[in-house]
Every structure is written in structure tokens, then in C-alpha cells.
Amino acid sequence: MASQIQSNTPLRVLASSTFAFTICFAVWMVFAVLGIPIKEQLGLSETEFGLLAAMPVLSGSLIRVPLGIWTDRYGGRIVFFLLMMAAVVPVWLLAYATEYWQFLVLGLFIGLAGGSFSVGTPYVARWFPRDRQGLAMGIFGAGNSGSAITKFAAPALIAAAGGAWMIVPKVYAVALLATAILFWFFSASDASHTVKGGASLSQQLAMLKDPRVLRYCQYYSVVFGGYVALALWMTKYYIGEYGFSMELAALLAACFSLPGGVLRALGGWISDRYGAYHTTWWVMWVCWVAFFLLSYPETRFTVMGVDGPLDFTIHLNAWFFTVLLFVVGIATAIGKASVFKFISDEFPQNIGAVSGIVGLAGGLGGFILPIMFGALLDLTGVRSSAFMLLYGTVCVSLISMHYSFRRNGSTAAASAAASA
């Protein structure tokens, strides 16, 4: 009987951690919907809206490195639980904020929930053998689908409350508290998973001198940072570009967020089977093509033909736009898993610390990009400038990846062999 309980423990840990991360991610992305009525209430510019939406991403990113280290030292269960409990109060207080600076400050504290990724990744991975870690981390990472939950739940809650957005943070705070309690009772601890006498913060940060870590930071800033930025931005994009209601805009935006989260488990399986290098390479190419098409603004031009002027219009309708976003969501889901497969293959003794550093880079990408989206929109007046920026980042990634692995082909081969 004891052996049966023991054999079920990894699955209980995986299920409880994935559920907890899903709720945390929904809380982390709350401004993707909530920011829209707040923007109208406060009369914010596009840049100010971008800063508001990105504020939780900033703190959730900066906390990832110490959280990864604490997970290595003290165990994921206690760190994950305390992190959720710490985020409950600022989420509740958000309902009573009235000034822009208050939303910014509370957004920083709400961002603690986003740091849960750097806790859950090493916590879950250590419960599984190496050849199954990619799949396990992918299933856990499917908690990114919490972004889609916010797009389904938040508009419905606001509508049910007669347009009062204050109901959303109150419901989310209660949900986060209940999740923390459930997680504590269904998860488990294993003393052998902790790293006794681990390195200091400065020693852990010294890993940034490793070119492999820098490469994975760069890849993750594209596949995760881009995902977070678009998840925050797309609801407002649909409203502004196509004139949709908030409910319909959020629903269509979820067509990107949902596969971008749920299919991360598929990315883990593909990475285990075909290797992190080949998987990430093809993800970048898919994003490159999709962002090129998405970045093209509505264009009207006239060509002088033999029989007179010919008028042409190039424009992505909402449905083709959504299909392309859906493809990008799938690609980023797979890419997020493949980057962490690199980490579990090459840094098995420091998964928590390295995943914290790489997660920090990805999160900072998710913080900077929405602000740049807003600034570019204010400067150019072209909404698709957001995709132009993303197209450029993928170009840099492809060039960097090509030359890095060509100079060190053995690295790619070793990674593929370890993942086979």
C-alpha cells in the first residue's frame, strides 16, 4: 500500500502544481482584460496602458531568480505555497485602487504570482526521470493557459456585475487562497530534492557567463516574452483594430492564449523525442513567417494600368488574423517547452537556478514588449507595429541560433542525443 502511494506521488505533485500554476497565471494576466476599463476610467495613453499591463510581469520576472534558488534549497512545496499566500492580499486590494500609481504598485505585488513558474518547474522535474522531464515540465507549463481563463472569466464577471470591474480581483483573490490550500494538501515534499549548501545569489548569477545560458535566455525572451506580451495586448488590439466588443475580443484573443498554454505539454513530448535544438529551430521559423504576415498593416495603393488606374487593398480580416495568431500560439507553446528541455539536459543539478535566470529573461521580455507596443502605437499610429517588432526579434534569434550552433555543432548534437 505504501509503495502504491509512493508511486502516485509524482502524478499528484504534477496535477496539483499544474492547477496552482494555472490559477497563478490567470492572476498574473489579470490586466489583459481589467486594464481596458481601467484605461477608460483613468484616460490613459497607449504607453501608460502598456506599462500598467506589464507591471506584474516585471516583478514576476525579477523574483524568478531568487525563487529558483530557494526552491533548490528549501523545496518547491513550501516556496510555492508561501508565494501564493503572499499574492492574495494585493489581488484583493486591487478592487479598491483609484489612482494610476496605486494600480502600478499593486501590480508589482500581484506579479509575485508569476514567479510561480520558477518554483514549479524544478519542483516538478525532480519527481520524474530524465527521459520524462520534458513532458512533465511541458504539462506543468500548460498552466500558461491561465491567460485564456482570464479572457473567459473576467469579461463574464464584469458583465454579471453590471460593468463593475472591481468584482474580478475579489473573485481572483478568493480563488488564489483556495488554490493555495488545495495545493498544500495534495502536493508532497522530498528532502532528497533539495540542494544543501547551495551557491550564493552572486554565484548563481555568475551562470550568466555561460554562453549556453545566454542563448537560452534569448530564445525564451522570444517564445515566452512574446507570448506574455501578446496575451496582454491582443484583447485591446481586437477592440481597436476591428471594433469588437470586449467579450468577443477576449474570446478571439483566447484563441492565441489557450493553445499557447495547453499545448506546452506537446512541446515537452516533441522535445523529448526529437531534441531541444531541432524543435526550437523550427519554432523560430514558424514564428518568423507568421509575424511577417501579421506585421503588414492595412495598405491601399493605386497602379496605373493600360486602361487606367487600378486600386488595390491589402488587409488581414479578423478570421485570417485569428488563424495566424492560433499558429503562433502553438509555436510558442512548443518553443517554451523546448527551451527548458535544453536546461534539464545540460544543467540537471541546477535546474532551479538556471530556470530562474532564463525565466527572468523571458519575463523581462514580456514586460518590455507591451510598453514598446504602446510606445510604437503612440508614435506611428500603426497597430501592426507590434508585430513588426516581434518579427525583428525572431530574425535576431534565427541568426543567433544559426551561428551559435554552427560554431559549436557538437553542442546541438549532444543535446539532440540526450533528448532522444
Protein backbone atom coordinates (compact mmCIF):
# COMPACT_ATOMS: atom_id res chain seq x y z
CA MET A 1 0.00 0.00 0.00
CA ALA A 2 2.83 2.39 0.88
CA SER A 3 4.58 1.67 -2.40
CA GLN A 4 1.36 2.41 -4.30
CA ILE A 5 1.02 5.77 -2.55
CA GLN A 6 4.66 6.49 -3.30
CA SER A 7 4.22 5.63 -6.98
CA ASN A 8 1.27 8.02 -7.24
CA THR A 9 3.10 10.90 -5.60
CA PRO A 10 4.77 12.29 -8.75
CA LEU A 11 1.40 12.41 -10.50
CA ARG A 12 -0.22 14.15 -7.51
CA VAL A 13 2.61 16.67 -7.43
CA LEU A 14 2.29 17.27 -11.17
CA ALA A 15 -1.51 17.67 -11.06
CA SER A 16 -1.59 19.96 -8.01
CA SER A 17 1.32 22.07 -9.27
CA THR A 18 -0.19 22.45 -12.74
CA PHE A 19 -3.55 23.52 -11.30
CA ALA A 20 -1.87 26.00 -8.95
CA PHE A 21 0.24 27.44 -11.75
CA THR A 22 -2.84 27.83 -13.96
CA ILE A 23 -4.59 29.95 -11.33
CA CYS A 24 -1.41 31.93 -10.67
CA PHE A 25 -1.02 32.65 -14.37
CA ALA A 26 -4.66 33.76 -14.62
CA VAL A 27 -4.00 36.22 -11.77
CA TRP A 28 -0.73 37.34 -13.38
CA MET A 29 -2.53 38.19 -16.65
CA VAL A 30 -5.46 39.99 -14.99
CA PHE A 31 -4.69 43.35 -16.63
CA ALA A 32 -5.11 41.83 -20.09
CA VAL A 33 -8.84 42.37 -19.56
CA LEU A 34 -9.03 44.52 -16.44
CA GLY A 35 -6.70 47.10 -17.93
CA ILE A 36 -9.26 48.02 -20.60
CA PRO A 37 -11.94 49.53 -18.29
CA ILE A 38 -9.18 50.97 -16.09
CA LYS A 39 -7.68 52.68 -19.16
CA GLU A 40 -11.03 54.24 -19.96
CA GLN A 41 -11.64 55.22 -16.33
CA LEU A 42 -8.26 56.94 -15.95
CA GLY A 43 -7.90 58.22 -19.54
CA LEU A 44 -4.54 56.50 -20.09
CA SER A 45 -2.41 56.72 -23.23
CA GLU A 46 -1.36 53.59 -25.09
CA THR A 47 2.09 53.71 -23.48
CA GLU A 48 0.58 54.11 -20.00
CA PHE A 49 -1.71 51.17 -20.68
CA GLY A 50 1.28 49.10 -21.78
CA LEU A 51 3.12 49.95 -18.56
CA LEU A 52 0.07 49.07 -16.45
CA ALA A 53 -0.42 45.72 -18.21
CA ALA A 54 3.27 44.89 -17.93
CA MET A 55 3.84 45.86 -14.29
CA PRO A 56 3.00 42.42 -12.81
CA VAL A 57 5.30 40.87 -15.41
CA LEU A 58 8.22 42.99 -14.15
CA SER A 59 8.05 41.83 -10.54
CA GLY A 60 7.13 38.29 -11.55
CA SER A 61 10.28 38.22 -13.65
CA LEU A 62 12.67 39.79 -11.15
CA ILE A 63 11.60 37.40 -8.40
CA ARG A 64 12.24 34.32 -10.52
CA VAL A 65 15.96 34.03 -9.84
CA PRO A 66 15.73 34.03 -6.02
CA LEU A 67 12.65 31.80 -6.18
CA GLY A 68 14.52 29.25 -8.26
CA ILE A 69 17.39 29.29 -5.78
CA TRP A 70 15.07 28.99 -2.77
CA THR A 71 13.33 26.06 -4.46
CA ASP A 72 16.66 24.29 -4.82
CA ARG A 73 17.46 24.93 -1.14
CA TYR A 74 14.14 24.57 0.68
CA GLY A 75 11.91 22.57 -1.65
CA GLY A 76 9.18 23.60 -4.05
CA ARG A 77 6.19 22.80 -1.88
CA ILE A 78 6.76 25.36 0.86
CA VAL A 79 8.01 28.06 -1.52
CA PHE A 80 5.05 27.64 -3.88
CA PHE A 81 2.53 27.76 -1.01
CA LEU A 82 4.00 30.87 0.62
CA LEU A 83 4.23 32.62 -2.74
CA MET A 84 0.52 32.14 -3.42
CA MET A 85 -0.42 33.29 0.07
CA ALA A 86 1.68 36.44 -0.33
CA ALA A 87 -0.17 37.40 -3.52
CA VAL A 88 -3.70 37.09 -2.10
CA VAL A 89 -3.82 40.46 -0.28
CA PRO A 90 -2.60 42.70 -3.14
CA VAL A 91 -5.03 40.99 -5.54
CA TRP A 92 -7.92 41.79 -3.16
CA LEU A 93 -6.77 45.40 -2.64
CA LEU A 94 -6.79 45.98 -6.39
CA ALA A 95 -10.59 46.33 -6.17
CA TYR A 96 -10.15 49.47 -4.05
CA ALA A 97 -7.49 51.26 -6.12
CA THR A 98 -8.48 54.57 -7.73
CA GLU A 99 -5.23 56.26 -8.82
CA TYR A 100 -2.82 55.21 -11.56
CA TRP A 101 0.13 54.92 -9.15
CA GLN A 102 -1.93 52.66 -6.89
CA PHE A 103 -2.59 50.28 -9.78
CA LEU A 104 1.12 50.27 -10.64
CA VAL A 105 2.22 49.50 -7.07
CA LEU A 106 -0.37 46.77 -6.57
CA GLY A 107 0.54 45.37 -9.98
CA LEU A 108 4.09 44.86 -8.74
CA PHE A 109 2.87 42.79 -5.79
CA ILE A 110 0.36 40.87 -7.91
CA GLY A 111 3.30 39.94 -10.10
CA LEU A 112 4.56 37.62 -7.36
CA ALA A 113 2.10 35.05 -8.69
CA GLY A 114 4.00 34.99 -11.97
CA GLY A 115 7.16 33.87 -10.20
CA SER A 116 5.48 30.53 -9.51
CA PHE A 117 6.87 29.17 -12.77
CA SER A 118 10.43 29.17 -11.45
CA VAL A 119 9.23 27.27 -8.39
CA GLY A 120 7.09 24.68 -10.11
CA THR A 121 9.48 23.83 -12.93
CA PRO A 122 12.31 22.38 -10.81
CA TYR A 123 9.84 21.09 -8.21
CA VAL A 124 8.00 19.01 -10.80
CA ALA A 125 11.06 17.99 -12.83
CA ARG A 126 12.81 16.34 -9.89
CA TRP A 127 9.92 13.92 -9.38
CA PHE A 128 10.47 12.34 -12.81
CA PRO A 129 13.32 10.51 -14.58
CA ARG A 130 15.34 12.50 -17.08
CA ASP A 131 13.74 10.97 -20.16
CA ARG A 132 10.30 12.13 -18.95
CA GLN A 133 11.24 15.54 -17.59
CA GLY A 134 10.49 17.34 -20.85
CA LEU A 135 6.93 16.01 -20.88
CA ALA A 136 6.45 16.67 -17.15
CA MET A 137 7.67 20.26 -17.42
CA GLY A 138 5.54 20.70 -20.53
CA ILE A 139 2.41 19.54 -18.70
CA PHE A 140 3.20 21.87 -15.82
CA GLY A 141 3.88 24.71 -18.24
CA ALA A 142 0.43 24.19 -19.72
CA GLY A 143 -0.66 26.30 -16.78
CA ASN A 144 0.08 29.21 -19.13
CA SER A 145 -3.49 28.55 -20.27
CA GLY A 146 -4.48 30.56 -17.21
CA SER A 147 -4.18 33.52 -19.56
CA ALA A 148 -7.11 32.12 -21.55
CA ILE A 149 -9.07 31.56 -18.33
CA THR A 150 -8.78 35.28 -17.58
CA LYS A 151 -10.08 36.10 -21.05
CA PHE A 152 -13.09 33.83 -20.49
CA ALA A 153 -13.79 34.60 -16.83
CA ALA A 154 -13.01 38.29 -16.40
CA PRO A 155 -15.41 39.66 -19.09
CA ALA A 156 -18.15 37.33 -17.81
CA LEU A 157 -17.63 38.51 -14.23
CA ILE A 158 -17.68 42.16 -15.28
CA ALA A 159 -20.88 41.63 -17.28
CA ALA A 160 -22.51 39.78 -14.37
CA ALA A 161 -21.63 42.67 -12.05
CA GLY A 162 -23.23 45.20 -14.35
CA GLY A 163 -19.96 46.50 -15.74
CA ALA A 164 -18.23 46.88 -12.36
CA TRP A 165 -14.68 45.59 -12.90
CA MET A 166 -14.00 45.55 -9.12
CA ILE A 167 -15.62 42.10 -8.85
CA VAL A 168 -12.74 40.49 -10.75
CA PRO A 169 -9.90 41.00 -8.22
CA LYS A 170 -12.17 39.94 -5.34
CA VAL A 171 -13.08 36.66 -7.03
CA TYR A 172 -9.47 36.08 -8.05
CA ALA A 173 -8.20 36.66 -4.51
CA VAL A 174 -10.62 34.05 -3.11
CA ALA A 175 -9.70 31.62 -5.89
CA LEU A 176 -5.98 32.07 -5.21
CA LEU A 177 -6.44 31.48 -1.47
CA ALA A 178 -8.44 28.30 -2.10
CA THR A 179 -5.83 27.11 -4.60
CA ALA A 180 -3.00 27.58 -2.10
CA ILE A 181 -4.84 25.46 0.48
CA LEU A 182 -5.64 22.71 -2.03
CA PHE A 183 -2.05 22.69 -3.26
CA TRP A 184 -0.70 22.22 0.25
CA PHE A 185 -2.90 19.18 0.92
CA PHE A 186 -2.34 17.43 -2.41
CA SER A 187 1.35 18.12 -3.02
CA ALA A 188 4.33 16.45 -1.33
CA SER A 189 7.93 17.02 -0.25
CA ASP A 190 11.12 15.00 -0.75
CA ALA A 191 14.22 16.04 1.19
CA SER A 192 16.47 14.44 -1.43
CA HIS A 193 15.29 17.03 -3.98
CA THR A 194 16.83 19.95 -2.11
CA VAL A 195 20.37 21.18 -2.73
CA LYS A 196 22.11 21.57 0.63
CA GLY A 197 24.63 24.33 0.99
CA GLY A 198 23.90 25.70 -2.46
CA ALA A 199 25.69 28.59 -4.07
CA SER A 200 25.01 32.20 -3.15
CA LEU A 201 22.94 34.51 -5.32
CA SER A 202 26.06 36.09 -6.82
CA GLN A 203 27.49 32.66 -7.63
CA GLN A 204 24.24 31.59 -9.23
CA LEU A 205 24.09 34.77 -11.30
CA ALA A 206 27.63 34.00 -12.46
CA MET A 207 25.98 31.35 -14.63
CA LEU A 208 25.18 34.19 -17.00
CA LYS A 209 28.81 33.95 -18.09
CA ASP A 210 27.96 30.57 -19.61
CA PRO A 211 27.13 31.22 -23.30
CA ARG A 212 24.57 28.42 -23.22
CA VAL A 213 22.57 30.20 -20.53
CA LEU A 214 22.69 33.45 -22.51
CA ARG A 215 21.42 31.65 -25.61
CA TYR A 216 18.51 30.10 -23.74
CA CYS A 217 17.68 33.48 -22.20
CA GLN A 218 17.49 34.96 -25.68
CA TYR A 219 15.30 32.17 -27.07
CA TYR A 220 12.96 32.32 -24.09
CA SER A 221 12.58 36.09 -24.31
CA VAL A 222 11.06 35.44 -27.75
CA VAL A 223 8.84 32.40 -27.16
CA PHE A 224 7.72 33.28 -23.62
CA GLY A 225 8.19 37.06 -23.59
CA GLY A 226 6.38 37.34 -26.91
CA TYR A 227 3.60 35.07 -25.66
CA VAL A 228 3.06 37.10 -22.48
CA ALA A 229 3.16 40.40 -24.35
CA LEU A 230 0.61 39.29 -26.93
CA ALA A 231 -1.60 37.72 -24.26
CA LEU A 232 -1.71 41.12 -22.55
CA TRP A 233 -2.16 43.10 -25.76
CA MET A 234 -4.50 41.13 -28.04
CA THR A 235 -7.85 41.88 -26.38
CA LYS A 236 -7.28 45.61 -26.76
CA TYR A 237 -5.88 45.05 -30.28
CA TYR A 238 -9.08 43.37 -31.44
CA ILE A 239 -11.18 46.15 -29.95
CA GLY A 240 -9.14 48.89 -31.60
CA GLU A 241 -8.46 47.23 -34.96
CA TYR A 242 -11.77 45.51 -35.63
CA GLY A 243 -14.21 47.37 -33.35
CA PHE A 244 -15.28 44.23 -31.45
CA SER A 245 -16.91 44.22 -28.02
CA MET A 246 -14.70 43.32 -25.06
CA GLU A 247 -16.39 39.91 -24.73
CA LEU A 248 -15.80 38.96 -28.38
CA ALA A 249 -12.30 40.46 -28.41
CA ALA A 250 -11.33 38.46 -25.31
CA LEU A 251 -12.80 35.28 -26.80
CA LEU A 252 -10.79 35.66 -30.01
CA ALA A 253 -7.66 36.59 -28.06
CA ALA A 254 -8.09 33.32 -26.15
CA CYS A 255 -7.58 31.51 -29.48
CA PHE A 256 -3.96 32.55 -29.07
CA SER A 257 -3.64 32.18 -25.30
CA LEU A 258 -5.23 28.74 -24.97
CA PRO A 259 -3.03 26.75 -27.39
CA GLY A 260 -0.07 28.79 -26.22
CA GLY A 261 -0.58 27.28 -22.78
CA VAL A 262 -2.25 23.89 -23.14
CA LEU A 263 0.00 22.61 -25.94
CA ARG A 264 3.16 23.19 -23.94
CA ALA A 265 2.85 19.55 -22.90
CA LEU A 266 3.03 18.61 -26.58
CA GLY A 267 6.17 20.70 -26.83
CA GLY A 268 7.69 18.72 -23.97
CA TRP A 269 6.93 15.42 -25.72
CA ILE A 270 8.32 16.65 -29.04
CA SER A 271 11.48 17.92 -27.31
CA ASP A 272 11.97 14.58 -25.57
CA ARG A 273 11.59 12.76 -28.89
CA TYR A 274 13.37 15.00 -31.41
CA GLY A 275 15.68 17.08 -29.26
CA ALA A 276 15.59 20.62 -27.97
CA TYR A 277 17.70 22.08 -30.78
CA HIS A 278 15.67 20.90 -33.76
CA THR A 279 12.38 21.69 -32.03
CA THR A 280 13.39 25.26 -31.16
CA TRP A 281 14.80 25.85 -34.65
CA TRP A 282 11.51 25.03 -36.37
CA VAL A 283 9.51 27.01 -33.82
CA MET A 284 11.52 30.12 -34.71
CA TRP A 285 10.89 29.62 -38.43
CA VAL A 286 7.13 29.25 -37.96
CA CYS A 287 7.04 32.46 -35.88
CA TRP A 288 9.15 34.25 -38.49
CA VAL A 289 6.64 33.54 -41.27
CA ALA A 290 3.58 34.29 -39.14
CA PHE A 291 4.92 37.58 -37.76
CA PHE A 292 5.83 38.72 -41.27
CA LEU A 293 2.21 38.29 -42.37
CA LEU A 294 0.78 39.78 -39.16
CA SER A 295 3.02 42.83 -39.32
CA TYR A 296 1.68 44.03 -42.67
CA PRO A 297 -0.70 46.97 -41.99
CA GLU A 298 -3.82 47.69 -43.99
CA THR A 299 -2.50 49.16 -47.24
CA ARG A 300 -4.25 50.81 -50.16
CA PHE A 301 -2.40 51.66 -53.36
CA THR A 302 -3.08 52.53 -56.96
CA VAL A 303 -1.32 51.08 -60.01
CA MET A 304 -1.59 52.82 -63.35
CA GLY A 305 -2.72 50.15 -65.80
CA VAL A 306 -3.08 50.36 -69.58
CA ASP A 307 -6.79 51.05 -69.18
CA GLY A 308 -6.44 53.46 -66.28
CA PRO A 309 -5.76 53.36 -62.53
CA LEU A 310 -6.21 50.07 -60.62
CA ASP A 311 -6.93 50.27 -56.89
CA PHE A 312 -5.72 47.52 -54.54
CA THR A 313 -6.19 46.91 -50.82
CA ILE A 314 -4.17 44.57 -48.62
CA HIS A 315 -5.83 43.81 -45.29
CA LEU A 316 -5.98 40.87 -42.88
CA ASN A 317 -9.59 40.16 -41.95
CA ALA A 318 -10.30 39.17 -38.37
CA TRP A 319 -10.63 35.47 -39.10
CA PHE A 320 -7.35 35.06 -41.00
CA PHE A 321 -5.67 37.20 -38.35
CA THR A 322 -7.00 34.85 -35.66
CA VAL A 323 -5.81 31.76 -37.54
CA LEU A 324 -2.30 33.19 -37.75
CA LEU A 325 -2.39 34.01 -34.04
CA PHE A 326 -3.52 30.46 -33.34
CA VAL A 327 -0.49 29.14 -35.25
CA VAL A 328 1.81 31.46 -33.28
CA GLY A 329 0.23 30.23 -30.05
CA ILE A 330 1.02 26.63 -30.95
CA ALA A 331 4.59 27.51 -31.93
CA THR A 332 5.31 29.44 -28.74
CA ALA A 333 3.85 26.65 -26.62
CA ILE A 334 6.23 24.14 -28.19
CA GLY A 335 9.13 26.58 -28.01
CA LYS A 336 8.64 27.31 -24.31
CA ALA A 337 8.94 23.61 -23.56
CA SER A 338 11.91 23.01 -25.87
CA VAL A 339 13.98 25.78 -24.26
CA PHE A 340 13.51 24.22 -20.83
CA LYS A 341 14.43 20.84 -22.25
CA PHE A 342 17.82 22.39 -23.04
CA ILE A 343 18.11 23.33 -19.37
CA SER A 344 17.13 19.95 -17.93
CA ASP A 345 19.59 18.23 -20.29
CA GLU A 346 22.58 20.47 -19.63
CA PHE A 347 22.07 21.71 -16.04
CA PRO A 348 20.48 18.78 -14.13
CA GLN A 349 22.00 19.87 -10.80
CA ASN A 350 20.95 23.50 -11.11
CA ILE A 351 17.56 23.35 -12.80
CA GLY A 352 16.03 25.77 -10.31
CA ALA A 353 18.74 28.43 -10.57
CA VAL A 354 19.12 28.27 -14.35
CA SER A 355 15.37 28.13 -14.96
CA GLY A 356 15.05 31.19 -12.74
CA ILE A 357 17.60 33.10 -14.80
CA VAL A 358 16.08 32.03 -18.12
CA GLY A 359 12.59 32.72 -16.79
CA LEU A 360 13.77 36.17 -15.72
CA ALA A 361 14.90 36.90 -19.28
CA GLY A 362 11.61 35.69 -20.70
CA GLY A 363 9.62 37.65 -18.18
CA LEU A 364 11.57 40.84 -18.84
CA GLY A 365 10.75 40.37 -22.50
CA GLY A 366 7.10 40.14 -21.51
CA PHE A 367 7.49 43.35 -19.50
CA ILE A 368 9.35 45.44 -22.08
CA LEU A 369 7.38 44.39 -25.16
CA PRO A 370 3.89 45.69 -24.12
CA ILE A 371 5.42 49.06 -23.23
CA MET A 372 7.14 49.15 -26.62
CA PHE A 373 3.88 48.11 -28.31
CA GLY A 374 2.17 51.11 -26.73
CA ALA A 375 5.04 53.49 -27.49
CA LEU A 376 5.18 52.39 -31.13
CA LEU A 377 1.42 52.80 -31.47
CA ASP A 378 1.57 56.28 -29.97
CA LEU A 379 4.47 57.22 -32.27
CA THR A 380 3.35 55.66 -35.55
CA GLY A 381 -0.40 55.21 -35.22
CA VAL A 382 0.02 51.74 -36.80
CA ARG A 383 -1.32 48.91 -34.63
CA SER A 384 0.53 46.18 -36.50
CA SER A 385 3.83 47.82 -35.46
CA ALA A 386 3.68 45.42 -32.52
CA PHE A 387 4.13 42.50 -34.91
CA MET A 388 6.85 44.35 -36.80
CA LEU A 389 8.80 44.50 -33.55
CA LEU A 390 8.25 40.79 -32.89
CA TYR A 391 9.29 39.95 -36.44
CA GLY A 392 12.59 41.72 -35.80
CA THR A 393 13.23 39.82 -32.56
CA VAL A 394 12.67 36.48 -34.30
CA CYS A 395 15.09 37.49 -37.07
CA VAL A 396 17.75 38.16 -34.44
CA SER A 397 17.00 34.81 -32.78
CA LEU A 398 17.33 32.83 -36.00
CA ILE A 399 20.61 34.48 -36.93
CA SER A 400 22.00 34.00 -33.43
CA MET A 401 20.90 30.37 -33.26
CA HIS A 402 22.32 29.56 -36.68
CA TYR A 403 25.79 30.93 -36.00
CA SER A 404 25.99 29.77 -32.36
CA PHE A 405 25.27 26.14 -33.15
CA ARG A 406 27.22 26.13 -36.39
CA ARG A 407 30.34 27.16 -34.46
CA ASN A 408 29.61 24.53 -31.86
CA GLY A 409 27.82 21.77 -33.72
CA SER A 410 28.74 19.24 -31.06
CA THR A 411 26.51 21.07 -28.59
CA ALA A 412 23.48 20.66 -30.76
CA ALA A 413 24.32 17.04 -31.45
CA ALA A 414 24.83 16.33 -27.77
CA SER A 415 21.54 17.97 -26.92
CA ALA A 416 19.70 16.01 -29.56
CA ALA A 417 21.33 12.76 -28.44
CA ALA A 418 20.50 13.41 -24.79
CA SER A 419 16.90 14.12 -25.70
CA ALA A 420 16.42 11.12 -27.99
